[in-house]
Amino acid sequence: MSTLSPSLSDLIGQPVQNIDTPALVVDLDAMNRNLGCMESTILQDADAARRQRSCPFRTTTA
C-alpha cells in the first residue's frame, strides 16, 4: 500500500467537514462487506448455472 502524503495523513480521524471537495471518501469496512456479498452472489449464480436443470436424455414412451 502506498504511503499517504503528510497533508492527507493529518486528515485521518478529523471530521468530514475538514476535507476539501471534491474528494472521494470510502468506508473500507462497508466496501469490503459489499464486495464479499457480491462475490458470494456471483459464486452462487455460477454454481446454479452449472447445475443440470433437466435430464436431456429422458424420452417418453407412448
PDB file of N, CA and C in Angstrom:
ATOM      1  N   MET A   1       0.850  -1.179   0.000  1.00  0.00           N
ATOM      2  CA  MET A   1       0.000   0.000   0.000  1.00  0.00           C
ATOM      3  C   MET A   1       0.890   1.234   0.000  1.00  0.00           C
ATOM      4  N   SER A   2       0.461   2.277  -0.687  1.00  0.00           N
ATOM      5  CA  SER A   2       1.269   3.484  -0.786  1.00  0.00           C
ATOM      6  C   SER A   2       1.188   4.302   0.498  1.00  0.00           C
ATOM      7  N   THR A   3       2.198   5.116   0.682  1.00  0.00           N
ATOM      8  CA  THR A   3       2.255   5.990   1.854  1.00  0.00           C
ATOM      9  C   THR A   3       1.506   7.279   1.541  1.00  0.00           C
ATOM     10  N   LEU A   4       0.709   7.730   2.482  1.00  0.00           N
ATOM     11  CA  LEU A   4      -0.044   8.975   2.302  1.00  0.00           C
ATOM     12  C   LEU A   4       0.869  10.171   2.470  1.00  0.00           C
ATOM     13  N   SER A   5       0.569  11.222   1.740  1.00  0.00           N
ATOM     14  CA  SER A   5       1.327  12.458   1.915  1.00  0.00           C
ATOM     15  C   SER A   5       1.009  13.021   3.301  1.00  0.00           C
ATOM     16  N   PRO A   6       1.934  13.805   3.863  1.00  0.00           N
ATOM     17  CA  PRO A   6       1.686  14.362   5.208  1.00  0.00           C
ATOM     18  C   PRO A   6       0.376  15.140   5.311  1.00  0.00           C
ATOM     19  N   SER A   7      -0.015  15.858   4.262  1.00  0.00           N
ATOM     20  CA  SER A   7      -1.253  16.634   4.332  1.00  0.00           C
ATOM     21  C   SER A   7      -2.470  15.715   4.427  1.00  0.00           C
ATOM     22  N   LEU A   8      -2.423  14.550   3.757  1.00  0.00           N
ATOM     23  CA  LEU A   8      -3.529  13.603   3.840  1.00  0.00           C
ATOM     24  C   LEU A   8      -3.509  12.854   5.168  1.00  0.00           C
ATOM     25  N   SER A   9      -2.321  12.522   5.651  1.00  0.00           N
ATOM     26  CA  SER A   9      -2.210  11.815   6.930  1.00  0.00           C
ATOM     27  C   SER A   9      -2.801  12.632   8.067  1.00  0.00           C
ATOM     28  N   ASP A  10      -2.687  13.947   7.973  1.00  0.00           N
ATOM     29  CA  ASP A  10      -3.221  14.825   9.021  1.00  0.00           C
ATOM     30  C   ASP A  10      -4.749  14.787   9.065  1.00  0.00           C
ATOM     31  N   LEU A  11      -5.403  14.392   7.962  1.00  0.00           N
ATOM     32  CA  LEU A  11      -6.866  14.372   7.918  1.00  0.00           C
ATOM     33  C   LEU A  11      -7.469  13.124   8.557  1.00  0.00           C
ATOM     34  N   ILE A  12      -6.666  12.084   8.749  1.00  0.00           N
ATOM     35  CA  ILE A  12      -7.194  10.842   9.330  1.00  0.00           C
ATOM     36  C   ILE A  12      -7.691  11.123  10.744  1.00  0.00           C
ATOM     37  N   GLY A  13      -8.941  10.757  10.993  1.00  0.00           N
ATOM     38  CA  GLY A  13      -9.551  10.971  12.299  1.00  0.00           C
ATOM     39  C   GLY A  13     -10.223  12.323  12.456  1.00  0.00           C
ATOM     40  N   GLN A  14     -10.122  13.181  11.448  1.00  0.00           N
ATOM     41  CA  GLN A  14     -10.731  14.506  11.507  1.00  0.00           C
ATOM     42  C   GLN A  14     -12.161  14.437  10.976  1.00  0.00           C
ATOM     43  N   PRO A  15     -12.993  15.397  11.318  1.00  0.00           N
ATOM     44  CA  PRO A  15     -14.365  15.420  10.786  1.00  0.00           C
ATOM     45  C   PRO A  15     -14.365  15.530   9.264  1.00  0.00           C
ATOM     46  N   VAL A  16     -15.399  14.978   8.647  1.00  0.00           N
ATOM     47  CA  VAL A  16     -15.525  15.003   7.197  1.00  0.00           C
ATOM     48  C   VAL A  16     -15.538  16.444   6.669  1.00  0.00           C
ATOM     49  N   GLN A  17     -16.039  17.362   7.446  1.00  0.00           N
ATOM     50  CA  GLN A  17     -16.112  18.758   7.020  1.00  0.00           C
ATOM     51  C   GLN A  17     -14.728  19.350   6.756  1.00  0.00           C
ATOM     52  N   ASN A  18     -13.666  18.756   7.288  1.00  0.00           N
ATOM     53  CA  ASN A  18     -12.314  19.276   7.080  1.00  0.00           C
ATOM     54  C   ASN A  18     -11.720  18.843   5.746  1.00  0.00           C
ATOM     55  N   ILE A  19     -12.393  17.996   5.006  1.00  0.00           N
ATOM     56  CA  ILE A  19     -11.873  17.510   3.730  1.00  0.00           C
ATOM     57  C   ILE A  19     -12.313  18.459   2.626  1.00  0.00           C
ATOM     58  N   ASP A  20     -11.334  18.911   1.824  1.00  0.00           N
ATOM     59  CA  ASP A  20     -11.656  19.768   0.686  1.00  0.00           C
ATOM     60  C   ASP A  20     -12.413  18.964  -0.356  1.00  0.00           C
ATOM     61  N   THR A  21     -13.359  19.609  -1.020  1.00  0.00           N
ATOM     62  CA  THR A  21     -14.119  18.938  -2.066  1.00  0.00           C
ATOM     63  C   THR A  21     -13.626  19.404  -3.423  1.00  0.00           C
ATOM     64  N   PRO A  22     -13.767  18.627  -4.454  1.00  0.00           N
ATOM     65  CA  PRO A  22     -14.317  17.273  -4.487  1.00  0.00           C
ATOM     66  C   PRO A  22     -13.305  16.275  -3.927  1.00  0.00           C
ATOM     67  N   ALA A  23     -13.803  15.275  -3.258  1.00  0.00           N
ATOM     68  CA  ALA A  23     -12.967  14.223  -2.695  1.00  0.00           C
ATOM     69  C   ALA A  23     -13.748  12.924  -2.669  1.00  0.00           C
ATOM     70  N   LEU A  24     -13.045  11.826  -2.857  1.00  0.00           N
ATOM     71  CA  LEU A  24     -13.652  10.508  -2.760  1.00  0.00           C
ATOM     72  C   LEU A  24     -13.351   9.972  -1.372  1.00  0.00           C
ATOM     73  N   VAL A  25     -14.395   9.699  -0.609  1.00  0.00           N
ATOM     74  CA  VAL A  25     -14.248   9.165   0.745  1.00  0.00           C
ATOM     75  C   VAL A  25     -14.891   7.788   0.747  1.00  0.00           C
ATOM     76  N   VAL A  26     -14.132   6.773   1.162  1.00  0.00           N
ATOM     77  CA  VAL A  26     -14.605   5.396   1.118  1.00  0.00           C
ATOM     78  C   VAL A  26     -14.595   4.812   2.529  1.00  0.00           C
ATOM     79  N   ASP A  27     -15.717   4.218   2.916  1.00  0.00           N
ATOM     80  CA  ASP A  27     -15.793   3.460   4.169  1.00  0.00           C
ATOM     81  C   ASP A  27     -15.308   2.055   3.836  1.00  0.00           C
ATOM     82  N   LEU A  28     -14.049   1.742   4.206  1.00  0.00           N
ATOM     83  CA  LEU A  28     -13.448   0.468   3.816  1.00  0.00           C
ATOM     84  C   LEU A  28     -14.183  -0.733   4.389  1.00  0.00           C
ATOM     85  N   ASP A  29     -14.694  -0.628   5.610  1.00  0.00           N
ATOM     86  CA  ASP A  29     -15.442  -1.750   6.193  1.00  0.00           C
ATOM     87  C   ASP A  29     -16.690  -2.043   5.377  1.00  0.00           C
ATOM     88  N   ALA A  30     -17.434  -1.003   5.018  1.00  0.00           N
ATOM     89  CA  ALA A  30     -18.649  -1.179   4.221  1.00  0.00           C
ATOM     90  C   ALA A  30     -18.310  -1.682   2.824  1.00  0.00           C
ATOM     91  N   MET A  31     -17.238  -1.165   2.228  1.00  0.00           N
ATOM     92  CA  MET A  31     -16.855  -1.595   0.894  1.00  0.00           C
ATOM     93  C   MET A  31     -16.471  -3.084   0.890  1.00  0.00           C
ATOM     94  N   ASN A  32     -15.670  -3.501   1.866  1.00  0.00           N
ATOM     95  CA  ASN A  32     -15.270  -4.909   1.942  1.00  0.00           C
ATOM     96  C   ASN A  32     -16.467  -5.822   2.185  1.00  0.00           C
ATOM     97  N   ARG A  33     -17.398  -5.375   3.017  1.00  0.00           N
ATOM     98  CA  ARG A  33     -18.609  -6.153   3.271  1.00  0.00           C
ATOM     99  C   ARG A  33     -19.435  -6.298   1.987  1.00  0.00           C
ATOM    100  N   ASN A  34     -19.591  -5.214   1.241  1.00  0.00           N
ATOM    101  CA  ASN A  34     -20.347  -5.245  -0.011  1.00  0.00           C
ATOM    102  C   ASN A  34     -19.659  -6.117  -1.058  1.00  0.00           C
ATOM    103  N   LEU A  35     -18.339  -6.040  -1.142  1.00  0.00           N
ATOM    104  CA  LEU A  35     -17.610  -6.880  -2.094  1.00  0.00           C
ATOM    105  C   LEU A  35     -17.763  -8.353  -1.746  1.00  0.00           C
ATOM    106  N   GLY A  36     -17.762  -8.676  -0.448  1.00  0.00           N
ATOM    107  CA  GLY A  36     -17.970 -10.056  -0.020  1.00  0.00           C
ATOM    108  C   GLY A  36     -19.350 -10.559  -0.398  1.00  0.00           C
ATOM    109  N   CYS A  37     -20.363  -9.721  -0.232  1.00  0.00           N
ATOM    110  CA  CYS A  37     -21.727 -10.098  -0.618  1.00  0.00           C
ATOM    111  C   CYS A  37     -21.831 -10.295  -2.122  1.00  0.00           C
ATOM    112  N   MET A  38     -21.232  -9.414  -2.898  1.00  0.00           N
ATOM    113  CA  MET A  38     -21.272  -9.553  -4.353  1.00  0.00           C
ATOM    114  C   MET A  38     -20.539 -10.817  -4.793  1.00  0.00           C
ATOM    115  N   GLU A  39     -19.407 -11.112  -4.159  1.00  0.00           N
ATOM    116  CA  GLU A  39     -18.645 -12.303  -4.510  1.00  0.00           C
ATOM    117  C   GLU A  39     -19.456 -13.568  -4.246  1.00  0.00           C
ATOM    118  N   SER A  40     -20.093 -13.643  -3.086  1.00  0.00           N
ATOM    119  CA  SER A  40     -20.870 -14.838  -2.762  1.00  0.00           C
ATOM    120  C   SER A  40     -22.065 -14.982  -3.704  1.00  0.00           C
ATOM    121  N   THR A  41     -22.695 -13.879  -4.080  1.00  0.00           N
ATOM    122  CA  THR A  41     -23.819 -13.925  -5.018  1.00  0.00           C
ATOM    123  C   THR A  41     -23.356 -14.409  -6.384  1.00  0.00           C
ATOM    124  N   ILE A  42     -22.225 -13.913  -6.844  1.00  0.00           N
ATOM    125  CA  ILE A  42     -21.697 -14.325  -8.147  1.00  0.00           C
ATOM    126  C   ILE A  42     -21.348 -15.801  -8.130  1.00  0.00           C
ATOM    127  N   LEU A  43     -20.725 -16.273  -7.051  1.00  0.00           N
ATOM    128  CA  LEU A  43     -20.356 -17.684  -6.957  1.00  0.00           C
ATOM    129  C   LEU A  43     -21.603 -18.569  -6.904  1.00  0.00           C
ATOM    130  N   GLN A  44     -22.644 -18.133  -6.185  1.00  0.00           N
ATOM    131  CA  GLN A  44     -23.887 -18.905  -6.121  1.00  0.00           C
ATOM    132  C   GLN A  44     -24.545 -18.973  -7.495  1.00  0.00           C
ATOM    133  N   ASP A  45     -24.556 -17.848  -8.206  1.00  0.00           N
ATOM    134  CA  ASP A  45     -25.143 -17.816  -9.550  1.00  0.00           C
ATOM    135  C   ASP A  45     -24.355 -18.717 -10.499  1.00  0.00           C
ATOM    136  N   ALA A  46     -23.031 -18.701 -10.386  1.00  0.00           N
ATOM    137  CA  ALA A  46     -22.200 -19.541 -11.249  1.00  0.00           C
ATOM    138  C   ALA A  46     -22.444 -21.011 -10.937  1.00  0.00           C
ATOM    139  N   ASP A  47     -22.591 -21.346  -9.658  1.00  0.00           N
ATOM    140  CA  ASP A  47     -22.863 -22.732  -9.270  1.00  0.00           C
ATOM    141  C   ASP A  47     -24.233 -23.162  -9.784  1.00  0.00           C
ATOM    142  N   ALA A  48     -25.207 -22.295  -9.694  1.00  0.00           N
ATOM    143  CA  ALA A  48     -26.556 -22.608 -10.174  1.00  0.00           C
ATOM    144  C   ALA A  48     -26.552 -22.803 -11.688  1.00  0.00           C
ATOM    145  N   ALA A  49     -25.730 -22.057 -12.394  1.00  0.00           N
ATOM    146  CA  ALA A  49     -25.673 -22.184 -13.848  1.00  0.00           C
ATOM    147  C   ALA A  49     -25.062 -23.527 -14.260  1.00  0.00           C
ATOM    148  N   ARG A  50     -24.188 -24.081 -13.422  1.00  0.00           N
ATOM    149  CA  ARG A  50     -23.558 -25.364 -13.731  1.00  0.00           C
ATOM    150  C   ARG A  50     -24.467 -26.543 -13.429  1.00  0.00           C
ATOM    151  N   ARG A  51     -25.442 -26.359 -12.533  1.00  0.00           N
ATOM    152  CA  ARG A  51     -26.333 -27.470 -12.169  1.00  0.00           C
ATOM    153  C   ARG A  51     -27.267 -27.801 -13.319  1.00  0.00           C
ATOM    154  N   GLN A  52     -27.457 -29.062 -13.514  1.00  0.00           N
ATOM    155  CA  GLN A  52     -28.350 -29.520 -14.569  1.00  0.00           C
ATOM    156  C   GLN A  52     -29.794 -29.362 -14.110  1.00  0.00           C
ATOM    157  N   ARG A  53     -30.599 -28.726 -14.915  1.00  0.00           N
ATOM    158  CA  ARG A  53     -31.983 -28.469 -14.544  1.00  0.00           C
ATOM    159  C   ARG A  53     -32.934 -29.577 -15.003  1.00  0.00           C
ATOM    160  N   SER A  54     -32.549 -30.337 -16.014  1.00  0.00           N
ATOM    161  CA  SER A  54     -33.402 -31.413 -16.505  1.00  0.00           C
ATOM    162  C   SER A  54     -32.502 -32.512 -17.067  1.00  0.00           C
ATOM    163  N   CYS A  55     -33.088 -33.626 -17.327  1.00  0.00           N
ATOM    164  CA  CYS A  55     -32.348 -34.739 -17.903  1.00  0.00           C
ATOM    165  C   CYS A  55     -32.527 -34.690 -19.418  1.00  0.00           C
ATOM    166  N   PRO A  56     -31.515 -34.326 -20.159  1.00  0.00           N
ATOM    167  CA  PRO A  56     -31.692 -34.171 -21.594  1.00  0.00           C
ATOM    168  C   PRO A  56     -31.854 -35.504 -22.334  1.00  0.00           C
ATOM    169  N   PHE A  57     -31.542 -36.628 -21.677  1.00  0.00           N
ATOM    170  CA  PHE A  57     -31.607 -37.912 -22.356  1.00  0.00           C
ATOM    171  C   PHE A  57     -32.914 -38.663 -22.090  1.00  0.00           C
ATOM    172  N   ARG A  58     -33.772 -38.120 -21.284  1.00  0.00           N
ATOM    173  CA  ARG A  58     -35.023 -38.787 -20.970  1.00  0.00           C
ATOM    174  C   ARG A  58     -35.967 -38.718 -22.170  1.00  0.00           C
ATOM    175  N   THR A  59     -36.548 -39.827 -22.454  1.00  0.00           N
ATOM    176  CA  THR A  59     -37.521 -39.857 -23.549  1.00  0.00           C
ATOM    177  C   THR A  59     -38.845 -40.392 -23.006  1.00  0.00           C
ATOM    178  N   THR A  60     -39.880 -40.020 -23.632  1.00  0.00           N
ATOM    179  CA  THR A  60     -41.193 -40.522 -23.231  1.00  0.00           C
ATOM    180  C   THR A  60     -41.549 -41.700 -24.127  1.00  0.00           C
ATOM    181  N   THR A  61     -42.231 -42.642 -23.548  1.00  0.00           N
ATOM    182  CA  THR A  61     -42.699 -43.782 -24.347  1.00  0.00           C
ATOM    183  C   THR A  61     -44.194 -43.658 -24.512  1.00  0.00           C
ATOM    184  N   ALA A  62     -44.628 -43.995 -25.677  1.00  0.00           N
ATOM    185  CA  ALA A  62     -46.052 -43.867 -25.974  1.00  0.00           C
ATOM    186  C   ALA A  62     -46.785 -45.139 -25.665  1.00  0.00           C
TER     187      ALA A  62
END
